[in-house]
Amino acid sequence: QYEAERRMRESGCLAVLVGRGALIKPWIFQEFREGREILMSTAERVSAYRHFYSLMKGHFGDDALGRRKAWYFAPWHHSFLHRYRHYPQALYEGQSQQHPMIMTRADTFNPQLGEESREALCPVERLLRNENEAAHEAIAGALWESSSDEDAMQRLRALAAEHLVGWEEE
């Protein structure tokens, strides 16, 4: 959000395109509206993603046909969501002037943010950051089937316990 605001200020343009940024960080519009960075916890992101699935159920239907229609893009969407990393303005504003953060491919963990290793992250966070397409499919299924945010977290914890290491090794 700070990158787009800086570019608008410097160029005098009235708007910027944030398409890929919105796929990676859907709350970017809230950041613009409120003029602040939003650092979401793992559980808050799961809640936001689950809300996305509830909107799909409302649009396509909460049945086999609705799921089939949603599945044309639901797992694919996680190929963007898994790229989310928080790049706080205080740490990354200078770097973003040299190379846009949206174009930065991040490692699974970020020592600048106090993340010591991939293994030090909570299992659900590691799962959400996983780039394996099978993981994306399973995450989408867990979010579709969940009845609450806590149920979604439990389903994702179970997926991580059963499959995470294998997906990370593939």
Protein backbone atom coordinates (compact mmCIF):
# COMPACT_ATOMS: atom_id res chain seq x y z
CA GLN A 1 0.00 0.00 0.00
CA TYR A 2 2.83 2.42 0.81
CA GLU A 3 4.42 1.70 -2.56
CA ALA A 4 1.24 2.62 -4.43
CA GLU A 5 0.69 5.74 -2.33
CA ARG A 6 4.27 6.89 -3.00
CA ARG A 7 3.90 6.32 -6.73
CA MET A 8 0.63 8.25 -6.79
CA ARG A 9 2.19 11.12 -4.86
CA GLU A 10 5.31 11.24 -7.07
CA SER A 11 3.50 10.96 -10.41
CA GLY A 12 0.35 12.89 -9.65
CA CYS A 13 -1.80 10.06 -11.01
CA LEU A 14 -5.23 9.55 -9.52
CA ALA A 15 -5.20 5.77 -9.33
CA VAL A 16 -2.94 2.74 -9.51
CA LEU A 17 -3.52 -0.81 -10.63
CA VAL A 18 -3.14 -3.26 -7.75
CA GLY A 19 -4.52 -6.40 -9.42
CA ARG A 20 -1.89 -8.94 -8.43
CA GLY A 21 -1.45 -7.21 -5.07
CA ALA A 22 -5.15 -7.66 -4.38
CA LEU A 23 -4.92 -11.36 -5.23
CA ILE A 24 -2.04 -11.77 -2.79
CA LYS A 25 -3.37 -9.42 -0.10
CA PRO A 26 -7.14 -8.90 -0.52
CA TRP A 27 -7.26 -6.42 2.39
CA ILE A 28 -5.07 -3.95 0.44
CA PHE A 29 -8.19 -1.89 -0.31
CA GLN A 30 -8.88 -1.55 3.40
CA GLU A 31 -5.29 -0.38 3.84
CA PHE A 32 -5.83 2.30 1.19
CA ARG A 33 -9.16 3.36 2.67
CA GLU A 34 -7.77 3.60 6.21
CA GLY A 35 -4.32 4.88 5.24
CA ARG A 36 -2.48 2.31 7.31
CA GLU A 37 -0.68 -1.01 7.09
CA ILE A 38 -2.64 -4.01 8.31
CA LEU A 39 -0.66 -6.88 9.75
CA MET A 40 -2.99 -9.85 9.93
CA SER A 41 -2.24 -12.85 12.09
CA THR A 42 -2.49 -16.32 10.62
CA ALA A 43 -5.94 -16.76 12.19
CA GLU A 44 -7.14 -13.40 10.82
CA ARG A 45 -5.99 -14.36 7.32
CA VAL A 46 -7.75 -17.72 7.60
CA SER A 47 -10.90 -15.81 8.60
CA ALA A 48 -10.56 -13.52 5.57
CA TYR A 49 -10.00 -16.48 3.23
CA ARG A 50 -12.96 -18.33 4.76
CA HIS A 51 -15.10 -15.23 4.17
CA PHE A 52 -14.07 -15.40 0.50
CA TYR A 53 -15.29 -19.01 0.40
CA SER A 54 -18.58 -18.07 2.05
CA LEU A 55 -19.10 -15.45 -0.67
CA MET A 56 -18.42 -18.11 -3.32
CA LYS A 57 -20.95 -20.42 -1.66
CA GLY A 58 -23.48 -17.60 -1.69
CA HIS A 59 -22.84 -16.90 -5.35
CA PHE A 60 -22.40 -20.40 -6.77
CA GLY A 61 -24.40 -22.39 -4.24
CA ASP A 62 -23.42 -24.54 -1.28
CA ASP A 63 -23.76 -27.85 -3.09
CA ALA A 64 -21.78 -30.08 -5.44
CA LEU A 65 -22.57 -27.93 -8.49
CA GLY A 66 -21.58 -24.74 -6.64
CA ARG A 67 -18.33 -26.30 -5.51
CA ARG A 68 -17.55 -27.51 -9.02
CA LYS A 69 -18.09 -23.98 -10.37
CA ALA A 70 -16.00 -22.43 -7.59
CA TRP A 71 -13.22 -24.96 -8.16
CA TYR A 72 -12.45 -23.46 -11.56
CA PHE A 73 -10.50 -20.82 -9.65
CA ALA A 74 -10.60 -21.45 -5.87
CA PRO A 75 -7.42 -23.59 -5.56
CA TRP A 76 -5.74 -21.41 -8.21
CA HIS A 77 -6.35 -18.37 -6.01
CA HIS A 78 -4.09 -19.91 -3.36
CA SER A 79 -1.22 -19.74 -5.85
CA PHE A 80 -1.41 -16.00 -5.11
CA LEU A 81 -2.45 -16.09 -1.45
CA HIS A 82 0.55 -18.27 -0.54
CA ARG A 83 2.86 -15.43 -1.64
CA TYR A 84 1.68 -13.08 1.11
CA ARG A 85 4.43 -11.75 3.36
CA HIS A 86 4.22 -8.67 5.49
CA TYR A 87 6.69 -6.05 4.27
CA PRO A 88 6.47 -3.30 6.89
CA GLN A 89 7.06 0.18 5.58
CA ALA A 90 9.60 0.90 8.32
CA LEU A 91 11.83 -1.95 7.07
CA TYR A 92 11.13 -2.06 3.34
CA GLU A 93 10.26 1.39 2.05
CA GLY A 94 13.80 2.11 0.87
CA GLN A 95 14.16 -1.28 -0.78
CA SER A 96 10.77 -0.88 -2.47
CA GLN A 97 12.05 2.25 -4.23
CA GLN A 98 14.73 0.12 -5.91
CA HIS A 99 12.61 -2.95 -6.62
CA PRO A 100 8.81 -3.19 -6.16
CA MET A 101 7.92 -5.53 -3.32
CA ILE A 102 5.09 -7.06 -5.37
CA MET A 103 7.79 -8.41 -7.69
CA THR A 104 9.85 -9.82 -4.83
CA ARG A 105 9.76 -13.58 -4.38
CA ALA A 106 10.05 -14.25 -0.69
CA ASP A 107 11.50 -17.19 1.12
CA THR A 108 9.20 -19.15 3.40
CA PHE A 109 10.56 -17.24 6.40
CA ASN A 110 11.98 -13.74 6.86
CA PRO A 111 14.77 -13.19 9.42
CA GLN A 112 14.21 -9.40 9.21
CA LEU A 113 10.82 -10.00 10.84
CA GLY A 114 12.22 -12.27 13.53
CA GLU A 115 11.33 -15.49 11.70
CA GLU A 116 14.28 -17.75 12.48
CA SER A 117 13.43 -20.68 10.23
CA ARG A 118 10.60 -22.32 8.34
CA GLU A 119 10.25 -24.80 11.20
CA ALA A 120 9.84 -21.95 13.71
CA LEU A 121 6.63 -20.81 12.01
CA CYS A 122 3.36 -22.25 13.27
CA PRO A 123 2.19 -25.19 11.12
CA VAL A 124 -0.85 -23.37 9.70
CA GLU A 125 1.33 -20.42 8.65
CA ARG A 126 3.75 -22.81 6.96
CA LEU A 127 0.80 -24.46 5.22
CA LEU A 128 -0.56 -21.12 3.99
CA ARG A 129 2.89 -20.21 2.63
CA ASN A 130 3.33 -23.55 0.87
CA GLU A 131 3.60 -23.30 -2.91
CA ASN A 132 2.59 -26.90 -3.64
CA GLU A 133 -0.56 -27.12 -5.78
CA ALA A 134 -1.77 -30.16 -3.85
CA ALA A 135 -1.60 -28.04 -0.69
CA HIS A 136 -3.64 -25.32 -2.40
CA GLU A 137 -6.30 -27.85 -3.37
CA ALA A 138 -6.45 -29.21 0.18
CA ILE A 139 -6.55 -25.73 1.74
CA ALA A 140 -9.40 -24.79 -0.58
CA GLY A 141 -11.30 -27.93 0.44
CA ALA A 142 -10.77 -27.26 4.14
CA LEU A 143 -11.97 -23.68 3.83
CA TRP A 144 -14.98 -24.69 1.74
CA GLU A 145 -16.04 -27.35 4.24
CA SER A 146 -15.42 -25.35 7.43
CA SER A 147 -18.38 -24.10 9.41
CA SER A 148 -16.52 -21.44 11.41
CA ASP A 149 -13.14 -19.77 11.67
CA GLU A 150 -12.13 -22.13 14.47
CA ASP A 151 -13.26 -25.13 12.42
CA ALA A 152 -11.15 -23.83 9.52
CA MET A 153 -8.11 -23.51 11.78
CA GLN A 154 -8.65 -27.04 13.11
CA ARG A 155 -8.96 -28.44 9.59
CA LEU A 156 -5.83 -26.60 8.48
CA ARG A 157 -3.91 -27.80 11.56
CA ALA A 158 -4.93 -31.38 10.71
CA LEU A 159 -3.82 -30.92 7.08
CA ALA A 160 -0.49 -29.52 8.24
CA ALA A 161 0.04 -32.38 10.69
CA GLU A 162 -0.67 -34.99 8.04
CA HIS A 163 0.80 -33.53 4.84
CA LEU A 164 2.94 -30.43 5.40
CA VAL A 165 6.38 -32.03 5.48
CA GLY A 166 5.66 -34.03 2.32
CA TRP A 167 4.33 -30.96 0.48
CA GLU A 168 7.39 -28.97 1.53
CA GLU A 169 9.70 -31.70 0.24
CA GLU A 170 8.02 -31.99 -3.17
